[in-house]
N, C-alpha and C. Protein backbone atom coordinates (compact mmCIF):
# COMPACT_ATOMS: atom_id res chain seq x y z
N MET A 1 -30.60 86.33 -120.16
CA MET A 1 -31.16 86.66 -118.08
C MET A 1 -32.46 87.33 -118.87
N VAL A 2 -33.49 86.67 -118.23
CA VAL A 2 -34.85 87.51 -118.55
C VAL A 2 -34.65 88.49 -117.32
N VAL A 3 -35.61 89.39 -117.51
CA VAL A 3 -35.36 90.82 -116.54
C VAL A 3 -37.54 90.33 -116.80
N SER A 4 -37.62 90.39 -115.40
CA SER A 4 -38.81 90.64 -114.87
C SER A 4 -39.85 92.24 -114.63
N LEU A 5 -40.23 92.89 -115.88
CA LEU A 5 -40.34 94.00 -115.18
C LEU A 5 -41.59 93.92 -113.91
N ALA A 6 -42.42 93.43 -113.62
CA ALA A 6 -43.49 93.53 -112.80
C ALA A 6 -43.11 93.67 -111.50
N ASN A 7 -43.44 95.11 -111.00
CA ASN A 7 -42.75 94.89 -109.37
C ASN A 7 -44.05 95.94 -108.92
N SER A 8 -43.49 96.24 -107.16
CA SER A 8 -44.61 97.39 -106.99
C SER A 8 -44.36 98.34 -106.85
N ASP A 9 -43.40 99.26 -107.56
CA ASP A 9 -42.19 100.15 -108.26
C ASP A 9 -44.25 101.31 -108.11
N ALA A 10 -43.98 102.77 -107.21
CA ALA A 10 -45.01 103.32 -107.01
C ALA A 10 -45.13 103.96 -108.61
N GLU A 11 -44.09 104.10 -109.07
CA GLU A 11 -43.96 105.50 -110.61
C GLU A 11 -44.26 104.39 -111.42
N ILE A 12 -44.74 103.34 -111.31
CA ILE A 12 -45.00 102.46 -112.60
C ILE A 12 -46.61 102.88 -112.15
N SER A 13 -46.92 102.07 -110.96
CA SER A 13 -48.69 102.63 -110.98
C SER A 13 -48.84 103.64 -111.12
N ALA A 14 -48.07 104.94 -110.69
CA ALA A 14 -48.44 106.13 -111.46
C ALA A 14 -48.83 106.74 -112.66
N ASN A 15 -48.02 105.86 -113.50
CA ASN A 15 -47.87 106.00 -114.68
C ASN A 15 -49.17 105.67 -115.63
N VAL A 16 -49.76 104.20 -114.84
CA VAL A 16 -51.20 103.64 -115.29
C VAL A 16 -52.60 104.48 -115.10
N GLU A 17 -53.25 104.65 -115.89
CA GLU A 17 -54.49 105.28 -115.80
C GLU A 17 -55.68 104.60 -116.37
N SER A 18 -56.45 104.44 -115.28
CA SER A 18 -58.21 103.40 -115.30
C SER A 18 -58.79 104.12 -116.47
N THR A 19 -59.66 103.59 -116.87
CA THR A 19 -60.90 103.92 -117.73
C THR A 19 -62.23 103.65 -116.95
N PRO A 20 -63.34 104.00 -117.27
CA PRO A 20 -64.40 103.30 -116.67
C PRO A 20 -64.46 102.27 -116.38
N GLU A 21 -64.37 101.43 -117.53
CA GLU A 21 -64.77 100.37 -117.47
C GLU A 21 -63.75 99.74 -116.65
N GLY A 22 -62.59 99.83 -115.88
CA GLY A 22 -61.32 99.21 -115.43
C GLY A 22 -60.61 98.84 -116.35
N SER A 23 -60.41 98.70 -117.12
CA SER A 23 -59.46 98.50 -117.98
C SER A 23 -58.05 99.92 -118.33
N LYS A 24 -56.70 99.21 -118.43
CA LYS A 24 -55.62 100.25 -118.35
C LYS A 24 -55.25 100.91 -119.46
N LYS A 25 -54.84 101.88 -119.29
CA LYS A 25 -54.28 103.41 -120.80
C LYS A 25 -53.30 103.42 -120.64
N LEU A 26 -51.97 104.11 -121.52
CA LEU A 26 -51.33 104.80 -121.35
C LEU A 26 -51.89 106.20 -121.10
N PRO A 27 -50.95 107.41 -120.21
CA PRO A 27 -50.85 108.55 -120.42
C PRO A 27 -50.94 108.96 -121.84
N ALA A 28 -51.19 110.71 -121.64
CA ALA A 28 -50.26 110.85 -123.18
C ALA A 28 -48.97 110.47 -124.21
N GLU A 29 -49.36 109.89 -125.25
CA GLU A 29 -47.98 109.73 -125.70
C GLU A 29 -46.90 110.75 -126.23
N ILE A 30 -45.66 110.38 -125.76
CA ILE A 30 -44.34 111.46 -125.51
C ILE A 30 -43.82 111.14 -127.18
N ALA A 31 -43.49 112.62 -127.75
CA ALA A 31 -42.61 112.24 -129.17
C ALA A 31 -41.08 112.02 -128.81
N ASP A 32 -40.53 111.77 -129.91
CA ASP A 32 -39.08 111.51 -129.80
C ASP A 32 -38.42 110.90 -128.24
N VAL A 33 -38.98 109.62 -128.06
CA VAL A 33 -38.49 108.62 -127.29
C VAL A 33 -37.54 107.90 -127.86
N GLN A 34 -37.11 107.27 -127.04
CA GLN A 34 -35.86 106.42 -127.27
C GLN A 34 -36.40 104.70 -127.28
N PHE A 35 -35.44 104.09 -128.68
CA PHE A 35 -36.33 103.35 -129.24
C PHE A 35 -35.64 101.60 -128.31
N THR A 36 -36.29 100.96 -128.93
CA THR A 36 -36.49 99.45 -128.50
C THR A 36 -36.67 98.38 -129.56
N LEU A 37 -35.90 97.64 -129.37
CA LEU A 37 -36.23 96.61 -130.93
C LEU A 37 -36.82 95.69 -130.10
N LEU A 38 -38.44 95.45 -130.79
CA LEU A 38 -38.78 94.07 -130.37
C LEU A 38 -38.20 92.77 -130.20
N SER A 39 -37.21 92.73 -131.24
CA SER A 39 -36.32 91.33 -130.48
C SER A 39 -35.14 91.83 -130.05
N ASP A 40 -35.36 93.35 -128.55
CA ASP A 40 -34.63 92.87 -127.98
C ASP A 40 -35.66 92.24 -126.07
N LEU A 41 -36.60 92.22 -126.77
CA LEU A 41 -37.64 92.28 -125.13
C LEU A 41 -38.14 91.02 -124.78
N SER A 42 -38.04 89.88 -124.26
CA SER A 42 -38.44 89.17 -123.24
C SER A 42 -40.37 89.17 -123.30
N PRO A 43 -40.53 87.97 -123.88
CA PRO A 43 -41.58 88.11 -123.29
C PRO A 43 -42.89 88.40 -122.47
N ALA A 44 -41.97 88.54 -121.14
CA ALA A 44 -42.61 89.02 -120.02
C ALA A 44 -42.59 90.36 -120.37
N ASP A 45 -41.35 90.94 -121.13
CA ASP A 45 -41.12 92.72 -121.31
C ASP A 45 -42.24 93.25 -122.22
N LEU A 46 -42.82 92.30 -122.81
CA LEU A 46 -43.58 92.81 -124.29
C LEU A 46 -44.73 92.58 -123.16
N GLU A 47 -45.38 91.49 -122.65
CA GLU A 47 -46.86 91.09 -122.15
C GLU A 47 -46.66 92.98 -120.87
N PHE A 48 -45.48 92.95 -120.62
CA PHE A 48 -45.86 93.91 -119.38
C PHE A 48 -46.21 95.22 -120.02
N ILE A 49 -45.59 95.57 -121.35
CA ILE A 49 -46.05 96.73 -122.24
C ILE A 49 -47.19 97.23 -122.33
N LEU A 50 -47.95 95.29 -122.78
CA LEU A 50 -49.13 95.89 -123.49
C LEU A 50 -50.06 96.23 -122.68
N SER A 51 -50.02 95.53 -121.78
CA SER A 51 -50.64 95.81 -120.15
C SER A 51 -51.08 96.91 -119.77
N ARG A 52 -50.32 97.96 -120.28
CA ARG A 52 -50.55 99.72 -120.16
C ARG A 52 -51.81 100.35 -121.34
N TYR A 53 -52.00 99.53 -122.04
CA TYR A 53 -52.84 99.66 -122.61
C TYR A 53 -54.37 99.13 -122.79
N PRO A 54 -55.91 99.79 -122.98
CA PRO A 54 -56.82 99.06 -122.95
C PRO A 54 -57.09 97.89 -123.94
N SER A 55 -58.03 96.86 -123.13
CA SER A 55 -57.93 95.78 -124.21
C SER A 55 -59.62 95.91 -124.82
N TYR A 56 -59.12 95.11 -126.28
CA TYR A 56 -60.44 95.47 -127.24
C TYR A 56 -61.37 95.28 -126.10
N GLU A 57 -62.82 95.45 -126.60
CA GLU A 57 -64.45 95.78 -126.09
C GLU A 57 -65.29 95.19 -127.56
N VAL A 58 -66.36 94.75 -127.27
CA VAL A 58 -67.38 94.23 -128.29
C VAL A 58 -68.35 95.52 -127.85
N ASN A 59 -68.99 95.67 -128.99
CA ASN A 59 -70.12 96.79 -128.67
C ASN A 59 -69.63 97.92 -128.36
N HIS A 60 -68.73 98.30 -128.74
CA HIS A 60 -67.57 99.48 -128.05
C HIS A 60 -67.47 100.41 -128.93
N SER A 61 -67.60 101.55 -128.55
CA SER A 61 -67.37 102.63 -130.08
C SER A 61 -66.47 103.37 -129.81
N TYR A 62 -65.50 103.40 -130.97
CA TYR A 62 -63.54 103.62 -131.29
C TYR A 62 -63.35 104.77 -131.96
N ALA A 63 -63.15 105.53 -131.86
CA ALA A 63 -62.45 106.61 -132.48
C ALA A 63 -60.78 106.40 -133.60
N ILE A 64 -61.05 107.06 -134.65
CA ILE A 64 -59.93 106.93 -135.44
C ILE A 64 -58.83 107.46 -134.42
N GLY A 65 -57.40 106.31 -134.33
CA GLY A 65 -56.48 106.66 -133.72
C GLY A 65 -56.27 105.65 -132.53
N GLN A 66 -57.29 105.28 -131.94
CA GLN A 66 -57.40 104.19 -130.83
C GLN A 66 -56.78 103.47 -130.82
N LYS A 67 -55.78 102.87 -129.46
CA LYS A 67 -55.24 101.64 -130.01
C LYS A 67 -55.86 100.82 -128.32
N PHE A 68 -55.72 99.55 -128.57
CA PHE A 68 -55.92 98.44 -128.05
C PHE A 68 -55.28 97.10 -127.83
N VAL A 69 -55.43 96.47 -127.45
CA VAL A 69 -54.65 95.47 -127.72
C VAL A 69 -55.77 93.76 -128.24
N TYR A 70 -55.40 93.12 -128.63
CA TYR A 70 -56.41 92.06 -129.02
C TYR A 70 -56.03 90.74 -129.01
N ARG A 71 -55.68 89.35 -128.15
CA ARG A 71 -54.93 88.48 -128.07
C ARG A 71 -53.21 88.36 -128.85
N SER A 72 -53.06 89.22 -127.54
CA SER A 72 -51.50 89.72 -127.35
C SER A 72 -50.72 90.71 -128.19
N LYS A 73 -51.57 91.35 -129.18
CA LYS A 73 -50.80 92.60 -130.09
C LYS A 73 -51.99 93.81 -129.92
N LEU A 74 -51.19 94.54 -130.70
CA LEU A 74 -51.58 95.96 -130.13
C LEU A 74 -52.25 96.20 -131.61
N TYR A 75 -53.32 97.25 -131.88
CA TYR A 75 -54.04 97.32 -132.66
C TYR A 75 -54.27 98.66 -132.62
N LYS A 76 -54.37 100.08 -133.95
CA LYS A 76 -55.06 100.81 -134.08
C LYS A 76 -56.07 100.87 -134.77
N VAL A 77 -57.29 101.72 -134.54
CA VAL A 77 -58.70 102.61 -135.23
C VAL A 77 -57.69 103.29 -136.42
N VAL A 78 -58.53 102.28 -137.37
CA VAL A 78 -58.60 103.25 -138.46
C VAL A 78 -60.13 103.78 -139.60
N GLN A 79 -60.91 103.82 -138.93
CA GLN A 79 -62.12 104.11 -139.23
C GLN A 79 -63.39 104.02 -138.22
N ALA A 80 -63.48 104.92 -137.78
CA ALA A 80 -64.45 105.07 -136.54
C ALA A 80 -65.14 104.11 -136.67
N HIS A 81 -65.75 103.38 -135.51
CA HIS A 81 -67.01 102.10 -135.86
C HIS A 81 -67.34 101.83 -134.33
N THR A 82 -68.34 101.21 -134.28
CA THR A 82 -69.08 100.56 -133.28
C THR A 82 -68.70 99.10 -133.39
N SER A 83 -67.37 98.44 -132.25
CA SER A 83 -67.25 97.22 -132.82
C SER A 83 -68.06 96.18 -132.55
N GLN A 84 -68.19 95.20 -133.26
CA GLN A 84 -68.95 93.81 -133.04
C GLN A 84 -68.29 92.42 -133.26
N SER A 85 -68.68 90.98 -132.63
CA SER A 85 -68.40 90.43 -132.15
C SER A 85 -67.56 89.78 -133.69
N ASP A 86 -68.59 89.67 -135.02
CA ASP A 86 -68.13 89.33 -135.88
C ASP A 86 -67.20 90.21 -136.47
N TRP A 87 -66.64 91.46 -136.08
CA TRP A 87 -65.41 91.99 -136.90
C TRP A 87 -64.17 91.81 -135.79
N GLN A 88 -63.59 91.25 -135.74
CA GLN A 88 -62.03 90.55 -135.24
C GLN A 88 -61.34 91.45 -135.39
N PRO A 89 -60.47 92.46 -134.67
CA PRO A 89 -59.17 92.93 -135.10
C PRO A 89 -58.61 92.46 -135.77
N ASP A 90 -58.30 90.91 -136.27
CA ASP A 90 -57.17 90.51 -136.74
C ASP A 90 -57.75 90.50 -137.85
N LEU A 91 -58.74 90.19 -138.72
CA LEU A 91 -59.11 90.14 -139.43
C LEU A 91 -59.54 90.74 -140.34
N VAL A 92 -60.24 92.06 -139.80
CA VAL A 92 -61.45 93.20 -140.69
C VAL A 92 -59.88 94.47 -140.67
N SER A 93 -59.29 93.92 -141.50
CA SER A 93 -57.88 95.14 -142.22
C SER A 93 -59.31 96.31 -142.25
N SER A 94 -60.29 97.01 -142.55
CA SER A 94 -60.43 97.84 -142.75
C SER A 94 -61.00 98.97 -142.01
N LEU A 95 -60.88 98.39 -140.77
CA LEU A 95 -61.09 98.81 -139.17
C LEU A 95 -59.96 98.73 -138.19
N TYR A 96 -58.75 98.26 -138.35
CA TYR A 96 -58.02 97.90 -137.18
C TYR A 96 -56.37 97.97 -138.52
N THR A 97 -55.40 97.66 -137.85
CA THR A 97 -53.89 97.85 -138.13
C THR A 97 -53.72 97.79 -136.51
N GLU A 98 -52.56 96.03 -137.33
CA GLU A 98 -51.35 96.23 -136.05
C GLU A 98 -50.58 96.90 -135.71
N VAL A 99 -49.78 98.04 -134.94
CA VAL A 99 -49.29 98.69 -134.89
C VAL A 99 -47.97 98.58 -133.62
N MET A 100 -46.80 98.51 -133.14
CA MET A 100 -46.24 98.89 -132.37
C MET A 100 -46.14 99.49 -131.19
N PRO A 101 -45.74 99.02 -130.02
CA PRO A 101 -46.05 100.19 -128.43
C PRO A 101 -45.34 101.13 -128.84
N GLU A 102 -45.33 101.99 -127.77
CA GLU A 102 -44.54 103.29 -127.97
C GLU A 102 -43.24 103.61 -128.01
N GLY A 103 -42.37 103.48 -128.71
CA GLY A 103 -40.97 102.97 -128.45
C GLY A 103 -39.95 101.95 -128.86
N VAL A 104 -41.02 100.95 -129.12
CA VAL A 104 -40.78 99.77 -129.84
C VAL A 104 -40.81 99.84 -131.56
N ILE A 105 -39.51 99.21 -132.40
CA ILE A 105 -39.34 98.92 -133.40
C ILE A 105 -39.62 97.65 -133.93
N GLY A 106 -40.82 97.73 -134.75
CA GLY A 106 -40.74 96.05 -135.20
C GLY A 106 -40.79 95.74 -136.53
N PRO A 107 -40.65 94.29 -136.69
CA PRO A 107 -40.05 94.33 -138.47
C PRO A 107 -41.48 94.90 -139.41
N TRP A 108 -40.64 95.33 -140.36
CA TRP A 108 -41.65 95.65 -141.38
C TRP A 108 -42.47 95.21 -142.11
N ARG A 109 -44.12 96.09 -142.70
CA ARG A 109 -44.87 94.77 -142.76
C ARG A 109 -45.90 95.72 -143.98
N GLN A 110 -46.56 94.87 -145.03
CA GLN A 110 -46.82 95.30 -145.78
C GLN A 110 -48.15 96.18 -145.83
N PRO A 111 -47.90 97.48 -145.93
CA PRO A 111 -49.24 97.94 -146.33
C PRO A 111 -50.29 98.09 -146.75
N LEU A 112 -52.03 97.66 -146.49
CA LEU A 112 -52.58 97.54 -147.21
C LEU A 112 -53.42 98.53 -148.05
N GLY A 113 -52.55 100.01 -147.97
CA GLY A 113 -53.00 101.19 -148.57
C GLY A 113 -52.81 102.51 -147.32
N ALA A 114 -53.57 104.27 -148.21
CA ALA A 114 -53.13 104.96 -147.60
C ALA A 114 -53.29 104.33 -145.79
N HIS A 115 -54.70 104.08 -145.14
CA HIS A 115 -54.75 104.09 -143.92
C HIS A 115 -53.57 103.27 -142.84
N ASP A 116 -53.05 102.23 -143.49
CA ASP A 116 -52.18 101.90 -142.55
C ASP A 116 -50.63 102.08 -143.06
N ALA A 117 -50.60 103.13 -144.31
CA ALA A 117 -48.86 103.00 -144.93
C ALA A 117 -48.31 103.94 -143.68
N TYR A 118 -46.84 103.85 -143.96
CA TYR A 118 -45.92 104.37 -142.72
C TYR A 118 -46.11 105.67 -143.00
N ARG A 119 -45.22 106.58 -142.05
CA ARG A 119 -45.60 108.07 -142.10
C ARG A 119 -43.93 107.97 -141.75
N ILE A 120 -43.99 109.71 -142.24
CA ILE A 120 -42.65 110.15 -141.84
C ILE A 120 -42.34 110.01 -140.71
N GLY A 121 -40.94 109.46 -140.13
CA GLY A 121 -40.27 109.26 -138.79
C GLY A 121 -40.77 107.94 -138.25
N ASP A 122 -41.59 107.34 -138.67
CA ASP A 122 -41.59 105.59 -138.09
C ASP A 122 -40.67 104.69 -139.02
N LYS A 123 -40.35 104.22 -137.83
CA LYS A 123 -39.24 102.76 -137.68
C LYS A 123 -39.53 101.82 -137.99
N VAL A 124 -39.03 101.05 -138.22
CA VAL A 124 -39.37 98.99 -138.66
C VAL A 124 -37.63 98.61 -139.08
N THR A 125 -38.03 97.25 -138.88
CA THR A 125 -36.67 96.82 -138.92
C THR A 125 -36.74 95.86 -139.57
N TYR A 126 -35.47 95.54 -140.83
CA TYR A 126 -35.58 94.96 -142.33
C TYR A 126 -34.61 94.49 -142.71
N ASN A 127 -34.23 92.78 -142.80
CA ASN A 127 -33.24 92.87 -142.98
C ASN A 127 -32.19 92.60 -142.46
N GLY A 128 -32.70 92.62 -140.30
CA GLY A 128 -31.71 92.92 -139.44
C GLY A 128 -31.66 93.84 -139.77
N GLN A 129 -31.86 95.46 -140.07
CA GLN A 129 -31.38 96.82 -140.02
C GLN A 129 -32.59 97.06 -139.51
N VAL A 130 -31.95 98.76 -139.14
CA VAL A 130 -33.45 99.22 -138.57
C VAL A 130 -33.51 100.11 -139.61
N PHE A 131 -34.04 101.05 -139.85
CA PHE A 131 -34.62 102.05 -141.55
C PHE A 131 -35.93 102.78 -140.67
N VAL A 132 -35.86 104.51 -140.86
CA VAL A 132 -36.68 105.38 -140.59
C VAL A 132 -36.82 106.13 -142.08
N CYS A 133 -38.34 106.09 -142.41
CA CYS A 133 -39.26 106.42 -143.27
C CYS A 133 -38.99 107.66 -143.31
N ASN A 134 -38.97 108.51 -144.63
CA ASN A 134 -39.02 109.41 -145.00
C ASN A 134 -39.22 110.19 -145.81
N LEU A 135 -40.98 109.14 -146.20
CA LEU A 135 -42.02 109.41 -146.82
C LEU A 135 -43.41 109.20 -146.56
N ASP A 136 -44.23 110.19 -146.36
CA ASP A 136 -45.97 110.11 -145.62
C ASP A 136 -46.69 109.22 -146.70
N TYR A 137 -47.38 108.26 -146.29
CA TYR A 137 -47.70 107.40 -146.88
C TYR A 137 -47.68 106.16 -147.98
N ASN A 138 -46.13 106.28 -147.09
CA ASN A 138 -45.33 105.17 -148.04
C ASN A 138 -45.63 103.69 -147.80
N VAL A 139 -46.00 102.62 -148.70
CA VAL A 139 -46.15 101.13 -149.00
C VAL A 139 -45.15 100.74 -149.54
N TYR A 140 -44.21 101.10 -149.44
CA TYR A 140 -42.91 100.60 -150.28
C TYR A 140 -41.79 100.05 -149.09
N ALA A 141 -40.95 98.74 -149.83
CA ALA A 141 -40.26 98.21 -148.72
C ALA A 141 -38.84 99.36 -148.72
N PRO A 142 -38.75 98.99 -147.54
CA PRO A 142 -37.28 99.88 -147.28
C PRO A 142 -35.94 99.14 -148.25
N ASP A 143 -36.09 98.70 -149.40
CA ASP A 143 -34.98 98.59 -150.15
C ASP A 143 -35.56 98.66 -151.67
N VAL A 144 -36.67 99.51 -151.69
CA VAL A 144 -37.06 99.77 -152.75
C VAL A 144 -37.34 101.48 -152.51
N THR A 145 -38.08 102.24 -151.40
CA THR A 145 -37.59 103.79 -151.65
C THR A 145 -38.34 104.10 -150.79
N GLY A 146 -37.70 105.24 -150.27
CA GLY A 146 -38.92 105.73 -148.86
C GLY A 146 -38.22 105.87 -147.85
N TRP A 147 -37.39 105.10 -146.86
CA TRP A 147 -36.34 104.71 -146.19
C TRP A 147 -34.55 105.10 -145.86
N GLU A 148 -34.87 105.11 -144.72
CA GLU A 148 -32.73 105.33 -144.81
C GLU A 148 -32.61 104.53 -143.45
N PHE A 149 -31.46 104.28 -144.22
CA PHE A 149 -30.66 103.37 -142.97
C PHE A 149 -30.37 104.21 -141.78
N GLU A 150 -31.04 103.46 -140.52
CA GLU A 150 -30.19 104.72 -139.53
C GLU A 150 -29.20 104.27 -139.24
N GLU A 151 -27.94 104.79 -139.07
CA GLU A 151 -26.94 103.98 -138.26
C GLU A 151 -26.54 103.75 -136.85
N SER A 152 -27.24 104.73 -136.16
CA SER A 152 -26.84 105.17 -134.73
C SER A 152 -27.70 103.71 -134.26
N ALA A 153 -28.90 103.75 -134.89
CA ALA A 153 -29.83 102.16 -134.55
C ALA A 153 -29.45 101.41 -134.47
N ASN A 154 -28.40 101.29 -135.58
CA ASN A 154 -28.42 99.69 -135.62
C ASN A 154 -26.78 99.39 -135.32
N GLU A 155 -26.32 100.08 -133.43
CA GLU A 155 -26.06 99.79 -133.02
C GLU A 155 -26.43 98.88 -131.67
N GLU A 156 -25.63 97.34 -131.08
CA GLU A 156 -26.51 96.47 -130.39
C GLU A 156 -27.19 97.51 -129.55
N PHE A 157 -26.47 98.07 -128.37
CA PHE A 157 -27.25 98.85 -127.32
C PHE A 157 -26.58 100.15 -127.84
N PRO A 158 -27.20 101.26 -127.59
CA PRO A 158 -26.59 102.52 -127.66
C PRO A 158 -26.13 103.23 -126.04
N GLN A 159 -25.40 103.59 -126.18
CA GLN A 159 -24.90 104.70 -124.68
C GLN A 159 -25.93 105.32 -123.90
N TRP A 160 -26.26 105.12 -122.71
CA TRP A 160 -26.73 106.15 -121.80
C TRP A 160 -26.63 107.65 -121.97
N VAL A 161 -27.40 108.75 -123.06
CA VAL A 161 -26.93 109.96 -122.74
C VAL A 161 -28.54 109.88 -121.04
N GLN A 162 -28.11 111.46 -120.98
CA GLN A 162 -28.67 112.09 -120.06
C GLN A 162 -30.26 112.67 -120.62
N PRO A 163 -31.09 112.05 -120.19
CA PRO A 163 -32.04 113.51 -120.80
C PRO A 163 -32.58 114.85 -120.51
N LEU A 164 -32.59 115.69 -121.42
CA LEU A 164 -32.80 116.60 -121.01
C LEU A 164 -34.32 117.41 -120.57
N GLY A 165 -35.48 115.98 -121.04
CA GLY A 165 -36.88 116.37 -120.38
C GLY A 165 -37.61 114.97 -120.83
N ALA A 166 -39.04 114.96 -120.92
CA ALA A 166 -39.63 114.07 -121.55
C ALA A 166 -39.70 113.82 -122.74
N HIS A 167 -39.31 115.27 -124.07
CA HIS A 167 -39.14 114.97 -124.91
C HIS A 167 -37.94 113.78 -125.65
N ASP A 168 -37.22 113.87 -124.31
CA ASP A 168 -35.99 113.04 -124.92
C ASP A 168 -35.78 111.16 -124.11
N ALA A 169 -36.55 111.68 -123.09
CA ALA A 169 -36.70 110.52 -121.88
C ALA A 169 -36.74 109.34 -122.78
N TYR A 170 -36.06 107.87 -121.96
CA TYR A 170 -36.02 106.67 -122.40
C TYR A 170 -37.54 106.31 -122.08
N ALA A 171 -37.91 105.22 -123.13
CA ALA A 171 -39.35 104.81 -123.01
C ALA A 171 -39.62 103.28 -122.43
N LEU A 172 -40.17 102.79 -122.22
CA LEU A 172 -40.55 101.04 -120.81
C LEU A 172 -39.94 100.23 -121.98
N GLY A 173 -38.76 100.40 -121.70
CA GLY A 173 -38.12 98.29 -121.93
C GLY A 173 -37.16 98.98 -122.52
N ALA A 174 -36.72 99.93 -123.22
CA ALA A 174 -35.02 100.49 -123.04
C ALA A 174 -34.20 100.20 -122.18
N ILE A 175 -33.24 99.24 -123.53
CA ILE A 175 -32.39 99.31 -123.12
C ILE A 175 -31.01 100.03 -123.53
N VAL A 176 -29.85 100.30 -122.37
CA VAL A 176 -28.96 100.93 -122.52
C VAL A 176 -27.46 100.53 -121.82
N ARG A 177 -26.32 101.20 -122.71
CA ARG A 177 -24.89 100.76 -121.82
C ARG A 177 -24.86 101.71 -121.41
N HIS A 178 -24.16 101.30 -119.65
CA HIS A 178 -23.69 102.31 -119.07
C HIS A 178 -22.70 101.62 -117.88
N ASN A 179 -21.47 102.22 -118.02
CA ASN A 179 -20.19 101.76 -116.78
C ASN A 179 -20.54 100.41 -117.16
N GLU A 180 -19.83 99.66 -118.79
CA GLU A 180 -19.59 98.37 -118.80
C GLU A 180 -20.94 97.52 -118.74
N GLN A 181 -21.86 98.08 -118.29
CA GLN A 181 -23.46 96.82 -118.24
C GLN A 181 -24.37 97.51 -118.38
N LEU A 182 -25.36 96.35 -119.06
CA LEU A 182 -27.08 96.66 -119.83
C LEU A 182 -27.84 96.82 -118.81
N TRP A 183 -28.72 98.27 -119.28
CA TRP A 183 -29.69 98.63 -118.05
C TRP A 183 -31.10 98.64 -118.90
N VAL A 184 -32.38 97.66 -118.31
CA VAL A 184 -33.70 98.13 -119.23
C VAL A 184 -34.48 98.73 -118.51
N SER A 185 -34.82 100.07 -118.89
CA SER A 185 -36.53 100.69 -118.11
C SER A 185 -36.98 99.91 -117.44
N THR A 186 -37.31 100.42 -116.35
CA THR A 186 -38.75 99.28 -115.78
C THR A 186 -39.64 100.53 -115.98
N ILE A 187 -39.54 101.74 -115.91
CA ILE A 187 -40.52 103.01 -116.11
C ILE A 187 -40.51 103.86 -117.42
N ALA A 188 -41.62 103.91 -117.71
CA ALA A 188 -42.10 105.50 -118.71
C ALA A 188 -41.23 106.38 -118.78
N SER A 189 -41.20 107.18 -119.70
CA SER A 189 -39.91 108.67 -119.67
C SER A 189 -39.63 108.85 -118.40
N ASN A 190 -38.70 107.79 -118.53
CA ASN A 190 -37.12 108.02 -117.58
C ASN A 190 -36.33 108.47 -118.28
N ILE A 191 -35.82 109.65 -116.81
CA ILE A 191 -34.88 110.15 -117.01
C ILE A 191 -33.41 109.85 -116.11
N TRP A 192 -33.48 108.74 -115.39
CA TRP A 192 -32.90 108.97 -114.11
C TRP A 192 -31.64 108.11 -114.63
N GLU A 193 -30.73 108.18 -114.15
CA GLU A 193 -29.26 107.19 -114.75
C GLU A 193 -29.08 106.42 -113.98
N PRO A 194 -28.99 104.84 -115.31
CA PRO A 194 -28.92 103.45 -114.74
C PRO A 194 -28.42 103.32 -113.22
N GLY A 195 -28.91 102.85 -112.50
CA GLY A 195 -28.35 103.08 -111.34
C GLY A 195 -28.97 103.29 -109.88
N ILE A 196 -29.57 103.94 -110.31
CA ILE A 196 -30.24 105.19 -109.74
C ILE A 196 -31.32 104.89 -109.38
N TYR A 197 -32.40 104.93 -110.64
CA TYR A 197 -34.33 104.31 -110.22
C TYR A 197 -34.19 104.10 -111.40
N GLY A 198 -35.11 103.16 -111.49
CA GLY A 198 -36.37 102.85 -112.69
C GLY A 198 -36.03 102.49 -114.02
N ARG A 199 -34.70 101.16 -113.59
CA ARG A 199 -33.95 100.80 -113.95
C ARG A 199 -33.17 98.93 -113.79
N GLU A 200 -32.79 98.24 -114.47
CA GLU A 200 -33.01 96.43 -114.08
C GLU A 200 -31.84 96.16 -114.65
N LEU A 201 -30.57 95.40 -114.13
CA LEU A 201 -29.48 94.85 -114.87
C LEU A 201 -30.03 94.21 -115.74
N TYR A 202 -30.15 94.08 -117.34
CA TYR A 202 -30.56 93.56 -118.17
C TYR A 202 -29.71 92.12 -118.79
N GLU A 203 -28.57 92.86 -118.43
CA GLU A 203 -27.45 91.30 -118.89
C GLU A 203 -26.26 91.56 -118.46
N GLU A 204 -25.66 91.01 -117.10
CA GLU A 204 -24.23 91.04 -116.52
C GLU A 204 -22.78 90.83 -117.15
N ARG A 205 -22.58 91.62 -118.39
CA ARG A 205 -21.32 91.25 -118.69
C ARG A 205 -20.60 92.53 -119.39
N ASN A 206 -19.35 92.71 -119.74
CA ASN A 206 -18.90 93.51 -120.13
C ASN A 206 -18.71 93.72 -121.10
N ILE A 207 -19.12 95.72 -121.65
CA ILE A 207 -19.36 95.53 -123.27
C ILE A 207 -18.31 96.11 -123.76
């Protein structure tokens, strides 16, 4: 069952901020959000999540850490600069590195150096399992060193737990089990119980 996250929900609109150039961006990112595997997201889900980040612009002054979307992928700036038409984000690794949206766990990639190495707390999938980084500036694969197997994250879908606040709220696209059904969050920073607000049925089946 493909879930479309596009809707007219006022809460979703309220979470999107406009830049002076008219593009959309996320509000301040929150720590300790619930995570969703990239492989669990449909193309429509991922497209909606990425639409909340600004698009790449040429002749734009970028600061370290800024994020934008280019050719349906999310990138982070690793060196301050003014963008040029011949410095495409997918070709110039000294300026940009591809990253996952907040709360989404993607496959491990080989870092090119300290500028795009993994930091403590980063999560990746590797050989079908989820690992969390326990070493700053980690350039090693999870089966070498600097990673721990995260047993709880390797459950197919976690049971819904009532968040205590923004620090442990569910991310947009997070999938949980509740009352023998699967639910996907349609809003960011979601503290609502499935079936009440901010979620849609992901797949109707017994757990």
